[in-house]
């Protein structure tokens, strides 16, 4: 997602193709356009992470007991309309038998999502899902989150190396609050 002088882009394209994902490099337009597209990409990511995590949280704690989330995510990866890289990572987390009890559900980040929401408001475009995912991130920092926000934190660590905060007494005392 590159913006700027197109002639410069074409000159550095061979380097970008070596370091970028196959088919994952493209010219977006004038200076700033690449950053703008990446900002929107990240904002969409927030909503997707939250949706997957909330759905998996409901499967874990919903009406049907003892569902195998590793098995479910594996099935969803094959022939399901919601298959994605995020789902692949969620499946890996369940394969690895991650211990959610040892981490807080505090989700960091959010800067590019806030920029996208601000831009959307300026342009009169609603971003309700993305805005709500940002609100959940903010609340997770105050409460320590829940199972869904823990999964978001682990997913962010898995794809981007973002830090995961250990569970703390501060959060254990406030965990009864709903997210």
N, C-alpha and C. Protein backbone atom coordinates (compact mmCIF):
# COMPACT_ATOMS: atom_id res chain seq x y z
N UNK A 1 0.85 -1.17 0.00
CA UNK A 1 0.00 0.00 0.00
C UNK A 1 0.90 1.23 0.00
N UNK A 2 1.28 1.64 -1.18
CA UNK A 2 2.27 2.70 -1.32
C UNK A 2 1.65 3.91 -1.98
N UNK A 3 1.95 5.07 -1.41
CA UNK A 3 1.53 6.33 -2.01
C UNK A 3 2.76 7.16 -2.34
N UNK A 4 2.58 8.13 -3.20
CA UNK A 4 3.68 9.02 -3.56
C UNK A 4 3.85 9.09 -5.06
N UNK A 5 5.02 9.50 -5.47
CA UNK A 5 5.34 9.63 -6.90
C UNK A 5 5.33 8.24 -7.54
N UNK A 6 4.53 8.07 -8.57
CA UNK A 6 4.38 6.75 -9.18
C UNK A 6 5.67 6.29 -9.85
N UNK A 7 6.45 7.21 -10.41
CA UNK A 7 7.72 6.81 -11.02
C UNK A 7 8.68 6.24 -9.97
N UNK A 8 8.70 6.83 -8.80
CA UNK A 8 9.55 6.32 -7.71
C UNK A 8 9.03 4.94 -7.29
N UNK A 9 7.73 4.81 -7.17
CA UNK A 9 7.13 3.52 -6.82
C UNK A 9 7.58 2.44 -7.81
N UNK A 10 7.50 2.74 -9.10
CA UNK A 10 7.87 1.75 -10.12
C UNK A 10 9.35 1.37 -10.02
N UNK A 11 10.20 2.33 -9.63
CA UNK A 11 11.62 2.03 -9.48
C UNK A 11 11.89 1.12 -8.29
N UNK A 12 11.14 1.29 -7.22
CA UNK A 12 11.40 0.48 -6.02
C UNK A 12 10.50 -0.77 -5.95
N UNK A 13 9.61 -0.91 -6.92
CA UNK A 13 8.69 -2.05 -6.92
C UNK A 13 9.40 -3.40 -6.82
N UNK A 14 10.50 -3.65 -7.53
CA UNK A 14 11.16 -4.95 -7.38
C UNK A 14 11.58 -5.25 -5.93
N UNK A 15 12.02 -4.23 -5.21
CA UNK A 15 12.41 -4.42 -3.80
C UNK A 15 11.16 -4.71 -2.96
N UNK A 16 10.11 -3.94 -3.20
CA UNK A 16 8.87 -4.14 -2.44
C UNK A 16 8.30 -5.54 -2.66
N UNK A 17 8.41 -6.03 -3.88
CA UNK A 17 7.89 -7.37 -4.18
C UNK A 17 8.70 -8.47 -3.49
N UNK A 18 9.97 -8.21 -3.26
CA UNK A 18 10.80 -9.18 -2.54
C UNK A 18 10.43 -9.21 -1.06
N UNK A 19 10.21 -8.04 -0.46
CA UNK A 19 9.95 -7.99 0.98
C UNK A 19 8.47 -8.09 1.33
N UNK A 20 7.59 -7.87 0.36
CA UNK A 20 6.15 -7.93 0.62
C UNK A 20 5.58 -9.30 0.35
N UNK A 21 4.35 -9.50 0.77
CA UNK A 21 3.65 -10.76 0.50
C UNK A 21 3.32 -10.83 -0.99
N UNK A 22 3.33 -12.04 -1.54
CA UNK A 22 3.01 -12.21 -2.95
C UNK A 22 1.61 -11.63 -3.24
N UNK A 23 1.56 -10.72 -4.19
CA UNK A 23 0.31 -10.07 -4.54
C UNK A 23 -0.13 -9.02 -3.53
N UNK A 24 0.71 -8.73 -2.55
CA UNK A 24 0.35 -7.82 -1.48
C UNK A 24 0.98 -6.46 -1.56
N UNK A 25 1.42 -6.05 -2.75
CA UNK A 25 2.05 -4.76 -2.94
C UNK A 25 1.29 -4.02 -4.04
N UNK A 26 1.00 -2.75 -3.79
CA UNK A 26 0.31 -1.99 -4.83
C UNK A 26 0.43 -0.50 -4.63
N UNK A 27 0.32 0.20 -5.74
CA UNK A 27 0.37 1.66 -5.74
C UNK A 27 -1.04 2.18 -5.48
N UNK A 28 -1.18 3.08 -4.50
CA UNK A 28 -2.48 3.58 -4.08
C UNK A 28 -2.79 4.97 -4.61
N UNK A 29 -1.78 5.72 -4.99
CA UNK A 29 -2.02 7.07 -5.48
C UNK A 29 -1.05 8.07 -4.87
N UNK A 30 -1.51 9.29 -4.75
CA UNK A 30 -0.68 10.40 -4.28
C UNK A 30 -0.11 10.14 -2.89
N UNK A 31 0.84 10.97 -2.52
CA UNK A 31 1.47 10.86 -1.21
C UNK A 31 0.40 10.83 -0.12
N UNK A 32 0.52 9.88 0.78
CA UNK A 32 -0.44 9.72 1.87
C UNK A 32 -1.50 8.68 1.60
N UNK A 33 -1.73 8.35 0.33
CA UNK A 33 -2.79 7.39 -0.01
C UNK A 33 -2.49 6.00 0.55
N UNK A 34 -1.24 5.59 0.52
CA UNK A 34 -0.87 4.28 1.05
C UNK A 34 -1.15 4.19 2.55
N UNK A 35 -0.77 5.23 3.26
CA UNK A 35 -1.02 5.26 4.71
C UNK A 35 -2.53 5.27 4.98
N UNK A 36 -3.27 6.00 4.19
CA UNK A 36 -4.72 6.09 4.33
C UNK A 36 -5.37 4.72 4.16
N UNK A 37 -4.96 4.00 3.14
CA UNK A 37 -5.49 2.65 2.89
C UNK A 37 -5.12 1.71 4.03
N UNK A 38 -3.89 1.80 4.52
CA UNK A 38 -3.45 0.96 5.63
C UNK A 38 -4.23 1.28 6.90
N UNK A 39 -4.53 2.55 7.12
CA UNK A 39 -5.32 2.97 8.28
C UNK A 39 -6.69 2.30 8.25
N UNK A 40 -7.34 2.31 7.10
CA UNK A 40 -8.66 1.70 6.97
C UNK A 40 -8.53 0.18 7.12
N UNK A 41 -7.51 -0.41 6.57
CA UNK A 41 -7.24 -1.85 6.73
C UNK A 41 -7.20 -2.22 8.20
N UNK A 42 -6.42 -1.45 8.98
CA UNK A 42 -6.27 -1.74 10.40
C UNK A 42 -7.60 -1.59 11.14
N UNK A 43 -8.38 -0.59 10.77
CA UNK A 43 -9.68 -0.38 11.40
C UNK A 43 -10.60 -1.57 11.14
N UNK A 44 -10.61 -2.07 9.91
CA UNK A 44 -11.41 -3.25 9.59
C UNK A 44 -10.94 -4.44 10.41
N UNK A 45 -9.64 -4.56 10.55
CA UNK A 45 -9.05 -5.64 11.36
C UNK A 45 -9.63 -5.62 12.77
N UNK A 46 -9.77 -4.43 13.38
CA UNK A 46 -10.31 -4.34 14.74
C UNK A 46 -11.68 -4.98 14.81
N UNK A 47 -12.54 -4.65 13.86
CA UNK A 47 -13.89 -5.21 13.85
C UNK A 47 -13.89 -6.71 13.65
N UNK A 48 -13.05 -7.20 12.75
CA UNK A 48 -12.98 -8.64 12.50
C UNK A 48 -12.46 -9.39 13.72
N UNK A 49 -11.42 -8.88 14.34
CA UNK A 49 -10.89 -9.52 15.54
C UNK A 49 -11.96 -9.62 16.62
N UNK A 50 -12.69 -8.53 16.80
CA UNK A 50 -13.71 -8.51 17.84
C UNK A 50 -14.84 -9.47 17.52
N UNK A 51 -15.27 -9.51 16.26
CA UNK A 51 -16.37 -10.41 15.88
C UNK A 51 -15.99 -11.88 16.08
N UNK A 52 -14.82 -12.28 15.61
CA UNK A 52 -14.38 -13.66 15.81
C UNK A 52 -14.31 -13.98 17.31
N UNK A 53 -13.70 -13.09 18.07
CA UNK A 53 -13.48 -13.35 19.49
C UNK A 53 -14.79 -13.43 20.26
N UNK A 54 -15.74 -12.56 19.94
CA UNK A 54 -17.03 -12.62 20.62
C UNK A 54 -17.79 -13.90 20.27
N UNK A 55 -17.75 -14.29 19.01
CA UNK A 55 -18.42 -15.53 18.61
C UNK A 55 -17.82 -16.74 19.31
N UNK A 56 -16.51 -16.80 19.38
CA UNK A 56 -15.83 -17.91 20.05
C UNK A 56 -16.08 -17.87 21.56
N UNK A 57 -16.19 -16.67 22.11
CA UNK A 57 -16.52 -16.53 23.52
C UNK A 57 -17.91 -17.12 23.79
N UNK A 58 -18.87 -16.82 22.94
CA UNK A 58 -20.22 -17.36 23.10
C UNK A 58 -20.23 -18.88 22.96
N UNK A 59 -19.47 -19.40 22.02
CA UNK A 59 -19.38 -20.86 21.89
C UNK A 59 -18.80 -21.48 23.17
N UNK A 60 -17.81 -20.82 23.76
CA UNK A 60 -17.18 -21.34 24.97
C UNK A 60 -18.13 -21.31 26.16
N UNK A 61 -18.90 -20.24 26.30
CA UNK A 61 -19.71 -20.05 27.50
C UNK A 61 -21.21 -20.10 27.24
N UNK A 62 -21.62 -20.47 26.03
CA UNK A 62 -23.02 -20.48 25.67
C UNK A 62 -23.77 -21.72 26.13
N UNK A 63 -24.94 -21.92 25.55
CA UNK A 63 -25.87 -22.97 25.96
C UNK A 63 -25.34 -24.38 25.75
N UNK A 64 -24.52 -24.59 24.74
CA UNK A 64 -23.95 -25.93 24.50
C UNK A 64 -22.62 -26.02 25.22
N UNK A 65 -22.54 -26.95 26.16
CA UNK A 65 -21.34 -27.06 26.98
C UNK A 65 -20.26 -27.89 26.31
N UNK A 66 -19.02 -27.57 26.67
CA UNK A 66 -17.83 -28.33 26.27
C UNK A 66 -17.63 -28.45 24.75
N UNK A 67 -17.95 -27.40 24.04
CA UNK A 67 -17.67 -27.42 22.60
C UNK A 67 -16.17 -27.35 22.39
N UNK A 68 -15.68 -28.04 21.39
CA UNK A 68 -14.26 -28.11 21.09
C UNK A 68 -13.91 -26.99 20.10
N UNK A 69 -13.40 -25.88 20.64
CA UNK A 69 -13.11 -24.72 19.80
C UNK A 69 -12.00 -24.99 18.79
N UNK A 70 -11.08 -25.85 19.14
CA UNK A 70 -10.03 -26.23 18.18
C UNK A 70 -10.68 -26.92 16.97
N UNK A 71 -11.56 -27.85 17.23
CA UNK A 71 -12.24 -28.58 16.16
C UNK A 71 -13.14 -27.65 15.34
N UNK A 72 -13.87 -26.78 16.03
CA UNK A 72 -14.78 -25.86 15.33
C UNK A 72 -14.00 -24.93 14.41
N UNK A 73 -12.91 -24.34 14.91
CA UNK A 73 -12.14 -23.43 14.07
C UNK A 73 -11.51 -24.17 12.90
N UNK A 74 -11.14 -25.42 13.09
CA UNK A 74 -10.57 -26.21 11.98
C UNK A 74 -11.64 -26.44 10.91
N UNK A 75 -12.83 -26.79 11.32
CA UNK A 75 -13.93 -27.00 10.37
C UNK A 75 -14.24 -25.71 9.62
N UNK A 76 -14.28 -24.59 10.36
CA UNK A 76 -14.57 -23.31 9.72
C UNK A 76 -13.52 -22.93 8.68
N UNK A 77 -12.30 -23.42 8.83
CA UNK A 77 -11.24 -23.11 7.87
C UNK A 77 -11.46 -23.78 6.51
N UNK A 78 -12.34 -24.76 6.46
CA UNK A 78 -12.54 -25.53 5.23
C UNK A 78 -13.98 -25.41 4.77
N UNK A 79 -14.21 -24.56 3.81
CA UNK A 79 -15.53 -24.45 3.21
C UNK A 79 -16.48 -23.50 3.90
N UNK A 80 -16.02 -22.79 4.90
CA UNK A 80 -16.87 -21.83 5.59
C UNK A 80 -16.71 -20.45 4.98
N UNK A 81 -17.78 -19.70 4.95
CA UNK A 81 -17.75 -18.35 4.39
C UNK A 81 -16.89 -17.40 5.25
N UNK A 82 -16.65 -17.75 6.51
CA UNK A 82 -15.89 -16.85 7.39
C UNK A 82 -14.42 -17.24 7.53
N UNK A 83 -13.94 -18.11 6.65
CA UNK A 83 -12.53 -18.49 6.76
C UNK A 83 -11.65 -17.28 6.43
N UNK A 84 -10.50 -17.21 7.12
CA UNK A 84 -9.59 -16.08 6.95
C UNK A 84 -8.27 -16.37 7.65
N UNK A 85 -7.32 -15.49 7.47
CA UNK A 85 -6.04 -15.60 8.16
C UNK A 85 -6.24 -15.46 9.67
N UNK A 86 -7.13 -14.57 10.08
CA UNK A 86 -7.40 -14.41 11.51
C UNK A 86 -7.95 -15.71 12.08
N UNK A 87 -8.83 -16.37 11.35
CA UNK A 87 -9.37 -17.65 11.81
C UNK A 87 -8.27 -18.71 11.87
N UNK A 88 -7.36 -18.71 10.90
CA UNK A 88 -6.22 -19.65 10.95
C UNK A 88 -5.43 -19.45 12.24
N UNK A 89 -5.20 -18.19 12.60
CA UNK A 89 -4.45 -17.91 13.82
C UNK A 89 -5.23 -18.32 15.06
N UNK A 90 -6.54 -18.10 15.05
CA UNK A 90 -7.36 -18.53 16.19
C UNK A 90 -7.27 -20.05 16.34
N UNK A 91 -7.34 -20.75 15.23
CA UNK A 91 -7.22 -22.21 15.28
C UNK A 91 -5.87 -22.62 15.87
N UNK A 92 -4.80 -21.95 15.46
CA UNK A 92 -3.48 -22.25 16.02
C UNK A 92 -3.45 -22.04 17.53
N UNK A 93 -4.11 -20.99 17.99
CA UNK A 93 -4.16 -20.71 19.43
C UNK A 93 -4.82 -21.87 20.16
N UNK A 94 -5.91 -22.38 19.60
CA UNK A 94 -6.58 -23.52 20.25
C UNK A 94 -5.77 -24.80 20.13
N UNK A 95 -5.07 -24.98 19.02
CA UNK A 95 -4.17 -26.14 18.89
C UNK A 95 -3.07 -26.10 19.94
N UNK A 96 -2.57 -24.90 20.20
CA UNK A 96 -1.47 -24.72 21.16
C UNK A 96 -1.94 -24.78 22.60
N UNK A 97 -3.25 -24.87 22.80
CA UNK A 97 -3.83 -24.96 24.15
C UNK A 97 -3.38 -23.79 25.02
N UNK A 98 -3.49 -22.58 24.48
CA UNK A 98 -3.10 -21.38 25.23
C UNK A 98 -3.87 -21.29 26.54
N UNK A 99 -3.17 -20.90 27.60
CA UNK A 99 -3.78 -20.73 28.92
C UNK A 99 -4.24 -19.29 29.07
N UNK A 100 -5.52 -19.07 28.88
CA UNK A 100 -6.09 -17.72 28.94
C UNK A 100 -6.08 -17.16 30.36
N UNK A 101 -6.01 -18.02 31.36
CA UNK A 101 -6.10 -17.55 32.74
C UNK A 101 -4.86 -16.75 33.17
N UNK A 102 -3.79 -16.88 32.45
CA UNK A 102 -2.55 -16.22 32.85
C UNK A 102 -2.34 -14.85 32.22
N UNK A 103 -3.31 -14.41 31.42
CA UNK A 103 -3.17 -13.10 30.77
C UNK A 103 -4.38 -12.24 31.07
N UNK A 104 -4.18 -10.94 31.01
CA UNK A 104 -5.32 -10.04 31.12
C UNK A 104 -5.95 -9.92 29.74
N UNK A 105 -7.14 -9.47 29.71
CA UNK A 105 -7.82 -9.25 28.44
C UNK A 105 -7.69 -7.81 27.97
N UNK A 106 -6.68 -7.13 28.46
CA UNK A 106 -6.45 -5.74 28.05
C UNK A 106 -5.91 -5.73 26.63
N UNK A 107 -6.59 -5.04 25.74
CA UNK A 107 -6.18 -4.94 24.34
C UNK A 107 -5.51 -3.59 24.14
N UNK A 108 -4.30 -3.61 23.67
CA UNK A 108 -3.59 -2.37 23.40
C UNK A 108 -3.90 -1.85 22.00
N UNK A 109 -3.19 -0.84 21.63
CA UNK A 109 -3.32 -0.28 20.28
C UNK A 109 -4.57 0.54 20.10
N UNK A 110 -4.93 0.73 18.87
CA UNK A 110 -6.14 1.46 18.54
C UNK A 110 -5.93 2.78 17.82
N UNK A 111 -4.67 3.17 17.67
CA UNK A 111 -4.42 4.48 17.08
C UNK A 111 -4.97 4.60 15.66
N UNK A 112 -4.66 3.65 14.82
CA UNK A 112 -5.13 3.77 13.43
C UNK A 112 -6.65 3.64 13.36
N UNK A 113 -7.23 2.85 14.24
CA UNK A 113 -8.68 2.75 14.29
C UNK A 113 -9.33 4.06 14.68
N UNK A 114 -8.73 4.75 15.67
CA UNK A 114 -9.25 6.06 16.08
C UNK A 114 -9.14 7.06 14.93
N UNK A 115 -8.04 7.01 14.20
CA UNK A 115 -7.89 7.91 13.05
C UNK A 115 -8.97 7.62 12.01
N UNK A 116 -9.23 6.34 11.78
CA UNK A 116 -10.25 5.97 10.79
C UNK A 116 -11.63 6.43 11.23
N UNK A 117 -11.95 6.27 12.51
CA UNK A 117 -13.25 6.72 13.02
C UNK A 117 -13.36 8.24 12.90
N UNK A 118 -12.29 8.95 13.23
CA UNK A 118 -12.29 10.40 13.11
C UNK A 118 -12.52 10.81 11.64
N UNK A 119 -11.81 10.16 10.73
CA UNK A 119 -11.97 10.43 9.30
C UNK A 119 -13.40 10.13 8.86
N UNK A 120 -13.95 9.03 9.32
CA UNK A 120 -15.32 8.66 8.95
C UNK A 120 -16.31 9.72 9.40
N UNK A 121 -16.14 10.21 10.60
CA UNK A 121 -17.04 11.26 11.11
C UNK A 121 -16.92 12.52 10.25
N UNK A 122 -15.69 12.87 9.89
CA UNK A 122 -15.49 14.05 9.04
C UNK A 122 -16.13 13.87 7.67
N UNK A 123 -16.16 12.63 7.18
CA UNK A 123 -16.71 12.36 5.85
C UNK A 123 -18.19 11.96 5.90
N UNK A 124 -18.76 11.85 7.10
CA UNK A 124 -20.15 11.47 7.25
C UNK A 124 -20.42 10.00 6.95
N UNK A 125 -19.42 9.15 7.19
CA UNK A 125 -19.54 7.71 6.94
C UNK A 125 -19.59 6.98 8.27
N UNK A 126 -20.66 6.23 8.54
CA UNK A 126 -20.72 5.51 9.82
C UNK A 126 -19.75 4.32 9.85
N UNK A 127 -19.05 4.18 10.97
CA UNK A 127 -18.17 3.02 11.21
C UNK A 127 -18.55 2.43 12.57
N UNK A 128 -19.79 2.01 12.72
CA UNK A 128 -20.30 1.59 14.03
C UNK A 128 -19.56 0.38 14.60
N UNK A 129 -19.32 -0.62 13.80
CA UNK A 129 -18.64 -1.83 14.29
C UNK A 129 -17.22 -1.50 14.72
N UNK A 130 -16.53 -0.74 13.90
CA UNK A 130 -15.14 -0.37 14.21
C UNK A 130 -15.10 0.52 15.44
N UNK A 131 -16.02 1.47 15.53
CA UNK A 131 -16.07 2.35 16.69
C UNK A 131 -16.36 1.55 17.97
N UNK A 132 -17.26 0.59 17.89
CA UNK A 132 -17.56 -0.23 19.06
C UNK A 132 -16.36 -1.09 19.45
N UNK A 133 -15.63 -1.60 18.46
CA UNK A 133 -14.45 -2.40 18.79
C UNK A 133 -13.40 -1.53 19.51
N UNK A 134 -13.31 -0.26 19.15
CA UNK A 134 -12.41 0.66 19.85
C UNK A 134 -12.89 0.90 21.28
N UNK A 135 -14.20 1.05 21.46
CA UNK A 135 -14.75 1.23 22.80
C UNK A 135 -14.46 0.01 23.67
N UNK A 136 -14.56 -1.17 23.10
CA UNK A 136 -14.27 -2.40 23.84
C UNK A 136 -12.80 -2.43 24.24
N UNK A 137 -11.91 -2.02 23.33
CA UNK A 137 -10.48 -1.97 23.66
C UNK A 137 -10.24 -1.03 24.84
N UNK A 138 -10.87 0.13 24.81
CA UNK A 138 -10.70 1.10 25.89
C UNK A 138 -11.20 0.51 27.20
N UNK A 139 -12.39 -0.08 27.19
CA UNK A 139 -12.96 -0.67 28.39
C UNK A 139 -12.11 -1.84 28.90
N UNK A 140 -11.49 -2.57 27.98
CA UNK A 140 -10.64 -3.70 28.40
C UNK A 140 -9.46 -3.22 29.23
N UNK A 141 -8.99 -2.02 28.96
CA UNK A 141 -7.90 -1.46 29.75
C UNK A 141 -8.32 -1.06 31.14
N UNK A 142 -9.62 -0.81 31.32
CA UNK A 142 -10.14 -0.43 32.63
C UNK A 142 -10.55 -1.64 33.46
N UNK A 143 -10.98 -2.71 32.80
CA UNK A 143 -11.54 -3.86 33.51
C UNK A 143 -10.70 -5.12 33.43
N UNK A 144 -9.76 -5.17 32.53
CA UNK A 144 -9.01 -6.40 32.30
C UNK A 144 -9.67 -7.29 31.29
N UNK A 145 -10.85 -6.89 30.82
CA UNK A 145 -11.50 -7.59 29.72
C UNK A 145 -12.18 -8.87 30.12
N UNK A 146 -12.36 -9.72 29.12
CA UNK A 146 -13.03 -11.01 29.29
C UNK A 146 -12.38 -12.01 28.34
N UNK A 147 -12.99 -13.15 28.18
CA UNK A 147 -12.44 -14.18 27.31
C UNK A 147 -12.22 -13.65 25.89
N UNK A 148 -13.21 -12.93 25.36
CA UNK A 148 -13.10 -12.42 23.98
C UNK A 148 -11.93 -11.45 23.84
N UNK A 149 -11.76 -10.55 24.80
CA UNK A 149 -10.65 -9.59 24.66
C UNK A 149 -9.30 -10.26 24.89
N UNK A 150 -9.29 -11.33 25.70
CA UNK A 150 -8.05 -12.10 25.84
C UNK A 150 -7.69 -12.73 24.50
N UNK A 151 -8.69 -13.26 23.80
CA UNK A 151 -8.42 -13.86 22.49
C UNK A 151 -7.93 -12.80 21.51
N UNK A 152 -8.52 -11.61 21.53
CA UNK A 152 -8.03 -10.53 20.65
C UNK A 152 -6.58 -10.22 20.98
N UNK A 153 -6.25 -10.13 22.27
CA UNK A 153 -4.86 -9.82 22.67
C UNK A 153 -3.90 -10.91 22.17
N UNK A 154 -4.30 -12.17 22.31
CA UNK A 154 -3.44 -13.27 21.86
C UNK A 154 -3.30 -13.25 20.34
N UNK A 155 -4.39 -12.98 19.63
CA UNK A 155 -4.33 -12.91 18.17
C UNK A 155 -3.40 -11.78 17.72
N UNK A 156 -3.51 -10.62 18.35
CA UNK A 156 -2.64 -9.49 17.99
C UNK A 156 -1.18 -9.84 18.23
N UNK A 157 -0.91 -10.58 19.30
CA UNK A 157 0.45 -11.02 19.57
C UNK A 157 0.92 -11.96 18.48
N UNK A 158 0.05 -12.85 18.06
CA UNK A 158 0.41 -13.88 17.08
C UNK A 158 0.73 -13.28 15.72
N UNK A 159 -0.05 -12.30 15.26
CA UNK A 159 0.22 -11.78 13.92
C UNK A 159 1.11 -10.55 13.91
N UNK A 160 1.18 -9.83 15.02
CA UNK A 160 1.95 -8.59 14.99
C UNK A 160 2.98 -8.44 16.08
N UNK A 161 3.11 -9.45 16.95
CA UNK A 161 4.07 -9.36 18.03
C UNK A 161 3.70 -8.37 19.11
N UNK A 162 2.43 -7.94 19.13
CA UNK A 162 1.97 -6.99 20.15
C UNK A 162 2.04 -7.66 21.52
N UNK A 163 2.38 -6.89 22.53
CA UNK A 163 2.56 -7.46 23.87
C UNK A 163 1.22 -7.90 24.46
N UNK A 164 1.33 -8.90 25.33
CA UNK A 164 0.19 -9.39 26.09
C UNK A 164 0.49 -9.11 27.55
N UNK A 165 -0.42 -8.44 28.22
CA UNK A 165 -0.21 -8.15 29.63
C UNK A 165 -0.59 -9.36 30.47
N UNK A 166 0.22 -9.66 31.49
CA UNK A 166 -0.15 -10.77 32.37
C UNK A 166 -1.38 -10.39 33.20
N UNK A 167 -2.12 -11.39 33.60
CA UNK A 167 -3.27 -11.16 34.47
C UNK A 167 -2.76 -10.52 35.75
N UNK A 168 -3.52 -9.59 36.31
CA UNK A 168 -3.06 -8.91 37.51
C UNK A 168 -4.18 -8.84 38.54
N UNK A 169 -3.80 -8.57 39.77
CA UNK A 169 -4.79 -8.44 40.84
C UNK A 169 -5.75 -7.30 40.56
N UNK A 170 -5.25 -6.23 40.00
CA UNK A 170 -6.09 -5.07 39.67
C UNK A 170 -7.27 -5.53 38.83
N UNK A 171 -7.02 -6.38 37.84
CA UNK A 171 -8.08 -6.83 36.96
C UNK A 171 -8.94 -7.90 37.61
N UNK A 172 -8.37 -8.74 38.42
CA UNK A 172 -9.16 -9.80 39.07
C UNK A 172 -10.24 -9.20 39.96
N UNK A 173 -9.95 -8.10 40.60
CA UNK A 173 -10.93 -7.47 41.49
C UNK A 173 -12.07 -6.83 40.72
N UNK A 174 -11.87 -6.41 39.49
CA UNK A 174 -12.90 -5.71 38.73
C UNK A 174 -13.53 -6.57 37.64
N UNK A 175 -13.15 -7.80 37.57
CA UNK A 175 -13.59 -8.65 36.46
C UNK A 175 -15.09 -8.90 36.43
N UNK A 176 -15.80 -8.69 37.52
CA UNK A 176 -17.23 -8.95 37.54
C UNK A 176 -18.00 -7.97 36.66
N UNK A 177 -17.40 -6.86 36.34
CA UNK A 177 -18.05 -5.89 35.45
C UNK A 177 -18.16 -6.49 34.07
N UNK A 178 -19.26 -6.22 33.44
CA UNK A 178 -19.46 -6.72 32.06
C UNK A 178 -18.73 -5.84 31.08
N UNK A 179 -18.23 -6.46 30.04
CA UNK A 179 -17.61 -5.70 28.96
C UNK A 179 -18.63 -5.34 27.96
